[in-house]
Amino acid sequence: MCARFTLRSPPQLVVELFDLDLSALDPRFNIAPTQDVLAVRVSDEGEREFARLRWGLVPLWATE
């Protein structure tokens, strides 16, 4: 089972921590499985970037 979590850090703190440019980061207080969330990942070029990814787990028995 996936848990819910929050994203409530000040946007400027997130931008400074990851050294990225982000124009708008809104707090979210109830992020549930299957929702898109903001994540930091490394691009194909080796640079950090913000990306929206789907939050959740895929069970071992799932075919997709």
PDB file of N, CA and C in Angstrom:
ATOM      1  N   MET A   1       0.844  -1.174   0.000  1.00  0.00           N
ATOM      2  CA  MET A   1       0.000   0.000   0.000  1.00  0.00           C
ATOM      3  C   MET A   1       0.894   1.244   0.000  1.00  0.00           C
ATOM      4  N   CYS A   2       0.525   2.236  -0.768  1.00  0.00           N
ATOM      5  CA  CYS A   2       1.263   3.494  -0.837  1.00  0.00           C
ATOM      6  C   CYS A   2       0.703   4.463   0.197  1.00  0.00           C
ATOM      7  N   ALA A   3       1.562   5.212   0.789  1.00  0.00           N
ATOM      8  CA  ALA A   3       1.138   6.232   1.746  1.00  0.00           C
ATOM      9  C   ALA A   3       0.952   7.559   1.035  1.00  0.00           C
ATOM     10  N   ARG A   4       0.301   8.462   1.707  1.00  0.00           N
ATOM     11  CA  ARG A   4       0.165   9.823   1.205  1.00  0.00           C
ATOM     12  C   ARG A   4       1.262  10.664   1.829  1.00  0.00           C
ATOM     13  N   PHE A   5       1.579  11.784   1.199  1.00  0.00           N
ATOM     14  CA  PHE A   5       2.583  12.673   1.754  1.00  0.00           C
ATOM     15  C   PHE A   5       2.270  14.100   1.365  1.00  0.00           C
ATOM     16  N   THR A   6       3.045  15.049   1.884  1.00  0.00           N
ATOM     17  CA  THR A   6       2.821  16.463   1.601  1.00  0.00           C
ATOM     18  C   THR A   6       4.052  17.069   0.946  1.00  0.00           C
ATOM     19  N   LEU A   7       3.838  18.164   0.258  1.00  0.00           N
ATOM     20  CA  LEU A   7       4.915  18.980  -0.301  1.00  0.00           C
ATOM     21  C   LEU A   7       4.631  20.400   0.153  1.00  0.00           C
ATOM     22  N   ARG A   8       5.299  20.819   1.210  1.00  0.00           N
ATOM     23  CA  ARG A   8       5.014  22.135   1.771  1.00  0.00           C
ATOM     24  C   ARG A   8       6.254  22.984   2.015  1.00  0.00           C
ATOM     25  N   SER A   9       7.371  22.580   1.468  1.00  0.00           N
ATOM     26  CA  SER A   9       8.594  23.384   1.597  1.00  0.00           C
ATOM     27  C   SER A   9       8.430  24.684   0.810  1.00  0.00           C
ATOM     28  N   PRO A  10       8.997  25.766   1.305  1.00  0.00           N
ATOM     29  CA  PRO A  10       8.930  27.014   0.549  1.00  0.00           C
ATOM     30  C   PRO A  10       9.595  26.839  -0.818  1.00  0.00           C
ATOM     31  N   PRO A  11       8.980  27.325  -1.882  1.00  0.00           N
ATOM     32  CA  PRO A  11       9.542  27.160  -3.233  1.00  0.00           C
ATOM     33  C   PRO A  11      10.988  27.640  -3.345  1.00  0.00           C
ATOM     34  N   GLN A  12      11.317  28.761  -2.718  1.00  0.00           N
ATOM     35  CA  GLN A  12      12.681  29.290  -2.821  1.00  0.00           C
ATOM     36  C   GLN A  12      13.687  28.329  -2.196  1.00  0.00           C
ATOM     37  N   LEU A  13      13.327  27.654  -1.121  1.00  0.00           N
ATOM     38  CA  LEU A  13      14.210  26.687  -0.481  1.00  0.00           C
ATOM     39  C   LEU A  13      14.475  25.501  -1.404  1.00  0.00           C
ATOM     40  N   VAL A  14      13.438  25.012  -2.072  1.00  0.00           N
ATOM     41  CA  VAL A  14      13.588  23.886  -3.004  1.00  0.00           C
ATOM     42  C   VAL A  14      14.486  24.285  -4.170  1.00  0.00           C
ATOM     43  N   VAL A  15      14.269  25.477  -4.713  1.00  0.00           N
ATOM     44  CA  VAL A  15      15.083  25.968  -5.835  1.00  0.00           C
ATOM     45  C   VAL A  15      16.544  26.099  -5.419  1.00  0.00           C
ATOM     46  N   GLU A  16      16.808  26.646  -4.247  1.00  0.00           N
ATOM     47  CA  GLU A  16      18.194  26.814  -3.779  1.00  0.00           C
ATOM     48  C   GLU A  16      18.839  25.473  -3.456  1.00  0.00           C
ATOM     49  N   LEU A  17      18.094  24.574  -2.847  1.00  0.00           N
ATOM     50  CA  LEU A  17      18.638  23.281  -2.460  1.00  0.00           C
ATOM     51  C   LEU A  17      19.113  22.480  -3.662  1.00  0.00           C
ATOM     52  N   PHE A  18      18.329  22.497  -4.735  1.00  0.00           N
ATOM     53  CA  PHE A  18      18.666  21.705  -5.919  1.00  0.00           C
ATOM     54  C   PHE A  18      19.315  22.524  -7.021  1.00  0.00           C
ATOM     55  N   ASP A  19      19.486  23.830  -6.810  1.00  0.00           N
ATOM     56  CA  ASP A  19      20.124  24.712  -7.779  1.00  0.00           C
ATOM     57  C   ASP A  19      19.422  24.640  -9.131  1.00  0.00           C
ATOM     58  N   LEU A  20      18.101  24.799  -9.090  1.00  0.00           N
ATOM     59  CA  LEU A  20      17.288  24.732 -10.300  1.00  0.00           C
ATOM     60  C   LEU A  20      16.399  25.952 -10.397  1.00  0.00           C
ATOM     61  N   ASP A  21      15.936  26.237 -11.600  1.00  0.00           N
ATOM     62  CA  ASP A  21      15.028  27.351 -11.829  1.00  0.00           C
ATOM     63  C   ASP A  21      13.602  26.821 -11.895  1.00  0.00           C
ATOM     64  N   LEU A  22      12.750  27.318 -11.026  1.00  0.00           N
ATOM     65  CA  LEU A  22      11.354  26.905 -11.005  1.00  0.00           C
ATOM     66  C   LEU A  22      10.506  28.131 -10.748  1.00  0.00           C
ATOM     67  N   SER A  23       9.569  28.400 -11.631  1.00  0.00           N
ATOM     68  CA  SER A  23       8.777  29.616 -11.494  1.00  0.00           C
ATOM     69  C   SER A  23       7.646  29.473 -10.480  1.00  0.00           C
ATOM     70  N   ALA A  24       7.017  28.293 -10.389  1.00  0.00           N
ATOM     71  CA  ALA A  24       5.879  28.141  -9.481  1.00  0.00           C
ATOM     72  C   ALA A  24       5.886  26.753  -8.853  1.00  0.00           C
ATOM     73  N   LEU A  25       5.889  26.739  -7.547  1.00  0.00           N
ATOM     74  CA  LEU A  25       5.803  25.487  -6.805  1.00  0.00           C
ATOM     75  C   LEU A  25       4.774  25.698  -5.713  1.00  0.00           C
ATOM     76  N   ASP A  26       3.599  25.126  -5.885  1.00  0.00           N
ATOM     77  CA  ASP A  26       2.527  25.303  -4.921  1.00  0.00           C
ATOM     78  C   ASP A  26       2.571  24.203  -3.874  1.00  0.00           C
ATOM     79  N   PRO A  27       2.301  24.561  -2.607  1.00  0.00           N
ATOM     80  CA  PRO A  27       2.217  23.529  -1.572  1.00  0.00           C
ATOM     81  C   PRO A  27       1.070  22.570  -1.870  1.00  0.00           C
ATOM     82  N   ARG A  28       1.268  21.310  -1.534  1.00  0.00           N
ATOM     83  CA  ARG A  28       0.212  20.293  -1.686  1.00  0.00           C
ATOM     84  C   ARG A  28       0.189  19.493  -0.401  1.00  0.00           C
ATOM     85  N   PHE A  29      -0.976  19.354   0.188  1.00  0.00           N
ATOM     86  CA  PHE A  29      -1.077  18.776   1.519  1.00  0.00           C
ATOM     87  C   PHE A  29      -1.670  17.379   1.546  1.00  0.00           C
ATOM     88  N   ASN A  30      -2.002  16.795   0.415  1.00  0.00           N
ATOM     89  CA  ASN A  30      -2.567  15.451   0.412  1.00  0.00           C
ATOM     90  C   ASN A  30      -2.251  14.774  -0.920  1.00  0.00           C
ATOM     91  N   ILE A  31      -1.004  14.429  -1.129  1.00  0.00           N
ATOM     92  CA  ILE A  31      -0.601  13.782  -2.372  1.00  0.00           C
ATOM     93  C   ILE A  31      -0.867  12.293  -2.235  1.00  0.00           C
ATOM     94  N   ALA A  32      -1.725  11.781  -3.090  1.00  0.00           N
ATOM     95  CA  ALA A  32      -2.152  10.385  -3.012  1.00  0.00           C
ATOM     96  C   ALA A  32      -1.573   9.589  -4.181  1.00  0.00           C
ATOM     97  N   PRO A  33      -1.536   8.265  -4.042  1.00  0.00           N
ATOM     98  CA  PRO A  33      -1.082   7.426  -5.159  1.00  0.00           C
ATOM     99  C   PRO A  33      -1.867   7.724  -6.434  1.00  0.00           C
ATOM    100  N   THR A  34      -1.212   7.608  -7.557  1.00  0.00           N
ATOM    101  CA  THR A  34      -1.687   7.869  -8.927  1.00  0.00           C
ATOM    102  C   THR A  34      -1.692   9.349  -9.286  1.00  0.00           C
ATOM    103  N   GLN A  35      -1.340  10.249  -8.369  1.00  0.00           N
ATOM    104  CA  GLN A  35      -1.259  11.663  -8.705  1.00  0.00           C
ATOM    105  C   GLN A  35       0.146  11.998  -9.201  1.00  0.00           C
ATOM    106  N   ASP A  36       0.239  12.999 -10.067  1.00  0.00           N
ATOM    107  CA  ASP A  36       1.547  13.476 -10.518  1.00  0.00           C
ATOM    108  C   ASP A  36       2.158  14.346  -9.433  1.00  0.00           C
ATOM    109  N   VAL A  37       3.463  14.182  -9.211  1.00  0.00           N
ATOM    110  CA  VAL A  37       4.188  14.974  -8.212  1.00  0.00           C
ATOM    111  C   VAL A  37       5.466  15.521  -8.839  1.00  0.00           C
ATOM    112  N   LEU A  38       5.949  16.595  -8.267  1.00  0.00           N
ATOM    113  CA  LEU A  38       7.187  17.198  -8.739  1.00  0.00           C
ATOM    114  C   LEU A  38       8.368  16.423  -8.179  1.00  0.00           C
ATOM    115  N   ALA A  39       9.314  16.080  -9.031  1.00  0.00           N
ATOM    116  CA  ALA A  39      10.496  15.324  -8.611  1.00  0.00           C
ATOM    117  C   ALA A  39      11.733  15.943  -9.258  1.00  0.00           C
ATOM    118  N   VAL A  40      12.880  15.704  -8.652  1.00  0.00           N
ATOM    119  CA  VAL A  40      14.153  16.118  -9.229  1.00  0.00           C
ATOM    120  C   VAL A  40      14.823  14.867  -9.766  1.00  0.00           C
ATOM    121  N   ARG A  41      15.259  14.929 -11.019  1.00  0.00           N
ATOM    122  CA  ARG A  41      15.942  13.786 -11.627  1.00  0.00           C
ATOM    123  C   ARG A  41      17.108  14.285 -12.470  1.00  0.00           C
ATOM    124  N   VAL A  42      17.940  13.366 -12.905  1.00  0.00           N
ATOM    125  CA  VAL A  42      19.072  13.707 -13.761  1.00  0.00           C
ATOM    126  C   VAL A  42      18.669  13.434 -15.206  1.00  0.00           C
ATOM    127  N   SER A  43      18.826  14.425 -16.062  1.00  0.00           N
ATOM    128  CA  SER A  43      18.447  14.298 -17.468  1.00  0.00           C
ATOM    129  C   SER A  43      19.467  13.436 -18.215  1.00  0.00           C
ATOM    130  N   ASP A  44      19.168  13.144 -19.468  1.00  0.00           N
ATOM    131  CA  ASP A  44      20.095  12.378 -20.312  1.00  0.00           C
ATOM    132  C   ASP A  44      21.425  13.105 -20.487  1.00  0.00           C
ATOM    133  N   GLU A  45      21.395  14.429 -20.366  1.00  0.00           N
ATOM    134  CA  GLU A  45      22.615  15.231 -20.500  1.00  0.00           C
ATOM    135  C   GLU A  45      23.395  15.318 -19.193  1.00  0.00           C
ATOM    136  N   GLY A  46      22.895  14.707 -18.133  1.00  0.00           N
ATOM    137  CA  GLY A  46      23.580  14.719 -16.846  1.00  0.00           C
ATOM    138  C   GLY A  46      23.255  15.916 -15.973  1.00  0.00           C
ATOM    139  N   GLU A  47      22.249  16.692 -16.348  1.00  0.00           N
ATOM    140  CA  GLU A  47      21.846  17.874 -15.593  1.00  0.00           C
ATOM    141  C   GLU A  47      20.643  17.561 -14.715  1.00  0.00           C
ATOM    142  N   ARG A  48      20.564  18.223 -13.548  1.00  0.00           N
ATOM    143  CA  ARG A  48      19.372  18.100 -12.714  1.00  0.00           C
ATOM    144  C   ARG A  48      18.221  18.832 -13.374  1.00  0.00           C
ATOM    145  N   GLU A  49      17.017  18.262 -13.236  1.00  0.00           N
ATOM    146  CA  GLU A  49      15.831  18.908 -13.780  1.00  0.00           C
ATOM    147  C   GLU A  49      14.618  18.543 -12.936  1.00  0.00           C
ATOM    148  N   PHE A  50      13.619  19.443 -12.942  1.00  0.00           N
ATOM    149  CA  PHE A  50      12.344  19.130 -12.326  1.00  0.00           C
ATOM    150  C   PHE A  50      11.509  18.369 -13.346  1.00  0.00           C
ATOM    151  N   ALA A  51      10.768  17.376 -12.869  1.00  0.00           N
ATOM    152  CA  ALA A  51       9.875  16.619 -13.743  1.00  0.00           C
ATOM    153  C   ALA A  51       8.633  16.228 -12.956  1.00  0.00           C
ATOM    154  N   ARG A  52       7.527  16.102 -13.636  1.00  0.00           N
ATOM    155  CA  ARG A  52       6.303  15.605 -13.009  1.00  0.00           C
ATOM    156  C   ARG A  52       6.238  14.107 -13.248  1.00  0.00           C
ATOM    157  N   LEU A  53       6.165  13.344 -12.152  1.00  0.00           N
ATOM    158  CA  LEU A  53       6.129  11.892 -12.227  1.00  0.00           C
ATOM    159  C   LEU A  53       4.903  11.374 -11.486  1.00  0.00           C
ATOM    160  N   ARG A  54       4.410  10.223 -11.898  1.00  0.00           N
ATOM    161  CA  ARG A  54       3.257   9.621 -11.243  1.00  0.00           C
ATOM    162  C   ARG A  54       3.696   8.897  -9.981  1.00  0.00           C
ATOM    163  N   TRP A  55       3.040   9.206  -8.854  1.00  0.00           N
ATOM    164  CA  TRP A  55       3.365   8.624  -7.558  1.00  0.00           C
ATOM    165  C   TRP A  55       2.577   7.336  -7.367  1.00  0.00           C
ATOM    166  N   GLY A  56       3.268   6.274  -6.967  1.00  0.00           N
ATOM    167  CA  GLY A  56       2.605   5.020  -6.665  1.00  0.00           C
ATOM    168  C   GLY A  56       3.533   3.838  -6.864  1.00  0.00           C
ATOM    169  N   LEU A  57       3.013   2.669  -6.606  1.00  0.00           N
ATOM    170  CA  LEU A  57       3.770   1.431  -6.767  1.00  0.00           C
ATOM    171  C   LEU A  57       3.088   0.522  -7.783  1.00  0.00           C
ATOM    172  N   VAL A  58       3.861  -0.273  -8.479  1.00  0.00           N
ATOM    173  CA  VAL A  58       3.311  -1.267  -9.401  1.00  0.00           C
ATOM    174  C   VAL A  58       3.495  -2.623  -8.715  1.00  0.00           C
ATOM    175  N   PRO A  59       2.407  -3.342  -8.436  1.00  0.00           N
ATOM    176  CA  PRO A  59       2.548  -4.635  -7.784  1.00  0.00           C
ATOM    177  C   PRO A  59       3.281  -5.643  -8.673  1.00  0.00           C
ATOM    178  N   LEU A  60       3.931  -6.602  -8.037  1.00  0.00           N
ATOM    179  CA  LEU A  60       4.685  -7.598  -8.789  1.00  0.00           C
ATOM    180  C   LEU A  60       3.827  -8.364  -9.785  1.00  0.00           C
ATOM    181  N   TRP A  61       2.559  -8.551  -9.486  1.00  0.00           N
ATOM    182  CA  TRP A  61       1.690  -9.346 -10.346  1.00  0.00           C
ATOM    183  C   TRP A  61       1.100  -8.550 -11.507  1.00  0.00           C
ATOM    184  N   ALA A  62       1.338  -7.249 -11.564  1.00  0.00           N
ATOM    185  CA  ALA A  62       0.782  -6.413 -12.637  1.00  0.00           C
ATOM    186  C   ALA A  62       1.476  -6.724 -13.961  1.00  0.00           C
ATOM    187  N   THR A  63       0.715  -6.712 -15.032  1.00  0.00           N
ATOM    188  CA  THR A  63       1.281  -6.983 -16.365  1.00  0.00           C
ATOM    189  C   THR A  63       1.664  -5.705 -17.097  1.00  0.00           C
ATOM    190  N   GLU A  64       1.182  -4.573 -16.655  1.00  0.00           N
ATOM    191  CA  GLU A  64       1.506  -3.309 -17.317  1.00  0.00           C
ATOM    192  C   GLU A  64       2.364  -2.448 -16.442  1.00  0.00           C
TER     193      GLU A  64
END
